[in-house]
Amino acid sequence: MNGRRAALNTNALANLLRHELAKAGLPEEDRFACHGFRRAYATRLYKTLRQQGFRDPLVYIQEQLGHEYLSTTQQYCQLDDDYRYFLIQDAAQALMRHYGGEDDDD
């Protein structure tokens, strides 16, 4: 219900967000839609779960968002290049620990 005790229009929140972003003077390329909150939630949750050592954060997020396919969830987690580099380094260290970190001079 809104202040007039009428049901909110289904686009009311999107229109309000669009208006407030324009009023804030954000350039067009920095503006986002309501769906951006969902993406931000997925991204932040992924980073938090990884930091806490959660075993399979993407599967958990997939369940949270109700996605049928894991590939959809992967697209939602908008990771910057620095974070991707961190993930690659983390994976490399895990492989080194698993395989003993010895060079093979064959």
C-alpha atoms as a PDB file:
ATOM      1  CA  MET A   1       0.000   0.000   0.000  1.00  0.00           C
ATOM      2  CA  ASN A   2       1.179   3.513  -0.687  1.00  0.00           C
ATOM      3  CA  GLY A   3       0.417   6.723   1.243  1.00  0.00           C
ATOM      4  CA  ARG A   4      -2.988   6.968  -0.420  1.00  0.00           C
ATOM      5  CA  ARG A   5      -3.937   3.473   0.770  1.00  0.00           C
ATOM      6  CA  ALA A   6      -3.920   2.152  -2.771  1.00  0.00           C
ATOM      7  CA  ALA A   7      -1.967  -0.810  -4.056  1.00  0.00           C
ATOM      8  CA  LEU A   8       1.439   0.063  -5.451  1.00  0.00           C
ATOM      9  CA  ASN A   9       1.898  -0.177  -9.179  1.00  0.00           C
ATOM     10  CA  THR A  10       4.188  -3.074 -10.090  1.00  0.00           C
ATOM     11  CA  ASN A  11       6.665  -0.599 -11.611  1.00  0.00           C
ATOM     12  CA  ALA A  12       6.536   1.891  -8.719  1.00  0.00           C
ATOM     13  CA  LEU A  13       9.842   0.867  -7.151  1.00  0.00           C
ATOM     14  CA  ALA A  14      11.620   0.784 -10.506  1.00  0.00           C
ATOM     15  CA  ASN A  15      10.267   4.236 -11.364  1.00  0.00           C
ATOM     16  CA  LEU A  16      11.278   5.603  -7.958  1.00  0.00           C
ATOM     17  CA  LEU A  17      14.804   4.197  -8.305  1.00  0.00           C
ATOM     18  CA  ARG A  18      15.136   5.616 -11.838  1.00  0.00           C
ATOM     19  CA  HIS A  19      13.960   9.032 -10.597  1.00  0.00           C
ATOM     20  CA  GLU A  20      16.313   9.058  -7.590  1.00  0.00           C
ATOM     21  CA  LEU A  21      19.328   8.015  -9.676  1.00  0.00           C
ATOM     22  CA  ALA A  22      18.627  10.810 -12.149  1.00  0.00           C
ATOM     23  CA  LYS A  23      18.089  13.284  -9.296  1.00  0.00           C
ATOM     24  CA  ALA A  24      21.437  12.240  -7.805  1.00  0.00           C
ATOM     25  CA  GLY A  25      23.072  13.254 -11.068  1.00  0.00           C
ATOM     26  CA  LEU A  26      24.589   9.870 -11.839  1.00  0.00           C
ATOM     27  CA  PRO A  27      25.763   9.503 -15.421  1.00  0.00           C
ATOM     28  CA  GLU A  28      23.677   7.128 -17.503  1.00  0.00           C
ATOM     29  CA  GLU A  29      26.377   4.412 -17.550  1.00  0.00           C
ATOM     30  CA  ASP A  30      26.435   4.303 -13.725  1.00  0.00           C
ATOM     31  CA  ARG A  31      22.691   3.891 -13.286  1.00  0.00           C
ATOM     32  CA  PHE A  32      21.128   0.520 -12.580  1.00  0.00           C
ATOM     33  CA  ALA A  33      17.719  -1.096 -12.351  1.00  0.00           C
ATOM     34  CA  CYS A  34      16.123  -2.869  -9.403  1.00  0.00           C
ATOM     35  CA  HIS A  35      17.507  -6.118 -10.748  1.00  0.00           C
ATOM     36  CA  GLY A  36      20.943  -4.703  -9.936  1.00  0.00           C
ATOM     37  CA  PHE A  37      20.201  -5.255  -6.249  1.00  0.00           C
ATOM     38  CA  ARG A  38      19.808  -8.970  -6.950  1.00  0.00           C
ATOM     39  CA  ARG A  39      23.145  -9.058  -8.752  1.00  0.00           C
ATOM     40  CA  ALA A  40      24.834  -7.098  -5.955  1.00  0.00           C
ATOM     41  CA  TYR A  41      23.406  -9.534  -3.388  1.00  0.00           C
ATOM     42  CA  ALA A  42      24.727 -12.527  -5.346  1.00  0.00           C
ATOM     43  CA  THR A  43      28.166 -10.973  -5.806  1.00  0.00           C
ATOM     44  CA  ARG A  44      28.583  -9.931  -2.189  1.00  0.00           C
ATOM     45  CA  LEU A  45      27.282 -13.239  -0.903  1.00  0.00           C
ATOM     46  CA  TYR A  46      29.713 -15.115  -3.154  1.00  0.00           C
ATOM     47  CA  LYS A  47      32.689 -13.076  -1.938  1.00  0.00           C
ATOM     48  CA  THR A  48      31.654 -13.463   1.701  1.00  0.00           C
ATOM     49  CA  LEU A  49      31.156 -17.217   1.429  1.00  0.00           C
ATOM     50  CA  ARG A  50      34.517 -17.653  -0.347  1.00  0.00           C
ATOM     51  CA  GLN A  51      36.224 -15.611   2.355  1.00  0.00           C
ATOM     52  CA  GLN A  52      34.655 -17.830   5.022  1.00  0.00           C
ATOM     53  CA  GLY A  53      35.850 -20.965   3.236  1.00  0.00           C
ATOM     54  CA  PHE A  54      32.351 -22.113   2.259  1.00  0.00           C
ATOM     55  CA  ARG A  55      32.731 -25.299   0.246  1.00  0.00           C
ATOM     56  CA  ASP A  56      30.622 -24.515  -2.829  1.00  0.00           C
ATOM     57  CA  PRO A  57      29.262 -20.969  -2.712  1.00  0.00           C
ATOM     58  CA  LEU A  58      27.831 -20.922  -6.242  1.00  0.00           C
ATOM     59  CA  VAL A  59      25.538 -23.867  -5.552  1.00  0.00           C
ATOM     60  CA  TYR A  60      24.303 -22.193  -2.364  1.00  0.00           C
ATOM     61  CA  ILE A  61      23.674 -18.909  -4.210  1.00  0.00           C
ATOM     62  CA  GLN A  62      21.943 -20.802  -7.004  1.00  0.00           C
ATOM     63  CA  GLU A  63      19.494 -22.162  -4.440  1.00  0.00           C
ATOM     64  CA  GLN A  64      19.057 -18.731  -2.842  1.00  0.00           C
ATOM     65  CA  LEU A  65      18.234 -17.089  -6.167  1.00  0.00           C
ATOM     66  CA  GLY A  66      16.120 -19.973  -7.452  1.00  0.00           C
ATOM     67  CA  HIS A  67      18.098 -20.468 -10.648  1.00  0.00           C
ATOM     68  CA  GLU A  68      17.663 -23.680 -12.563  1.00  0.00           C
ATOM     69  CA  TYR A  69      21.137 -23.543 -14.096  1.00  0.00           C
ATOM     70  CA  LEU A  70      24.442 -22.853 -12.377  1.00  0.00           C
ATOM     71  CA  SER A  71      25.600 -20.937 -15.455  1.00  0.00           C
ATOM     72  CA  THR A  72      22.908 -18.329 -14.761  1.00  0.00           C
ATOM     73  CA  THR A  73      24.176 -17.915 -11.206  1.00  0.00           C
ATOM     74  CA  GLN A  74      27.738 -17.517 -12.470  1.00  0.00           C
ATOM     75  CA  GLN A  75      26.581 -14.600 -14.623  1.00  0.00           C
ATOM     76  CA  TYR A  76      24.974 -12.961 -11.601  1.00  0.00           C
ATOM     77  CA  CYS A  77      28.197 -12.942  -9.607  1.00  0.00           C
ATOM     78  CA  GLN A  78      29.834  -9.949 -11.217  1.00  0.00           C
ATOM     79  CA  LEU A  79      33.441 -10.347 -10.180  1.00  0.00           C
ATOM     80  CA  ASP A  80      36.003  -7.728 -11.093  1.00  0.00           C
ATOM     81  CA  ASP A  81      39.379  -8.659 -12.581  1.00  0.00           C
ATOM     82  CA  ASP A  82      41.188  -8.247  -9.258  1.00  0.00           C
ATOM     83  CA  TYR A  83      38.865 -10.719  -7.580  1.00  0.00           C
ATOM     84  CA  ARG A  84      39.179 -13.166 -10.485  1.00  0.00           C
ATOM     85  CA  TYR A  85      42.951 -12.952 -10.122  1.00  0.00           C
ATOM     86  CA  PHE A  86      42.557 -13.730  -6.407  1.00  0.00           C
ATOM     87  CA  LEU A  87      40.454 -16.799  -7.272  1.00  0.00           C
ATOM     88  CA  ILE A  88      43.062 -18.021  -9.750  1.00  0.00           C
ATOM     89  CA  GLN A  89      45.842 -17.573  -7.180  1.00  0.00           C
ATOM     90  CA  ASP A  90      43.750 -19.357  -4.560  1.00  0.00           C
ATOM     91  CA  ALA A  91      43.116 -22.272  -6.932  1.00  0.00           C
ATOM     92  CA  ALA A  92      46.809 -22.469  -7.850  1.00  0.00           C
ATOM     93  CA  GLN A  93      47.806 -22.614  -4.181  1.00  0.00           C
ATOM     94  CA  ALA A  94      45.248 -25.355  -3.551  1.00  0.00           C
ATOM     95  CA  LEU A  95      46.673 -27.380  -6.443  1.00  0.00           C
ATOM     96  CA  MET A  96      50.199 -26.885  -5.149  1.00  0.00           C
ATOM     97  CA  ARG A  97      49.160 -28.093  -1.693  1.00  0.00           C
ATOM     98  CA  HIS A  98      47.335 -31.067  -3.174  1.00  0.00           C
ATOM     99  CA  TYR A  99      50.183 -32.161  -5.414  1.00  0.00           C
ATOM    100  CA  GLY A 100      52.954 -31.333  -2.961  1.00  0.00           C
ATOM    101  CA  GLY A 101      54.291 -28.277  -4.757  1.00  0.00           C
ATOM    102  CA  GLU A 102      57.196 -30.164  -6.306  1.00  0.00           C
ATOM    103  CA  ASP A 103      58.396 -29.306  -9.781  1.00  0.00           C
ATOM    104  CA  ASP A 104      58.552 -32.169 -12.235  1.00  0.00           C
ATOM    105  CA  ASP A 105      61.902 -32.019 -14.084  1.00  0.00           C
ATOM    106  CA  ASP A 106      61.166 -34.833 -16.566  1.00  0.00           C
END
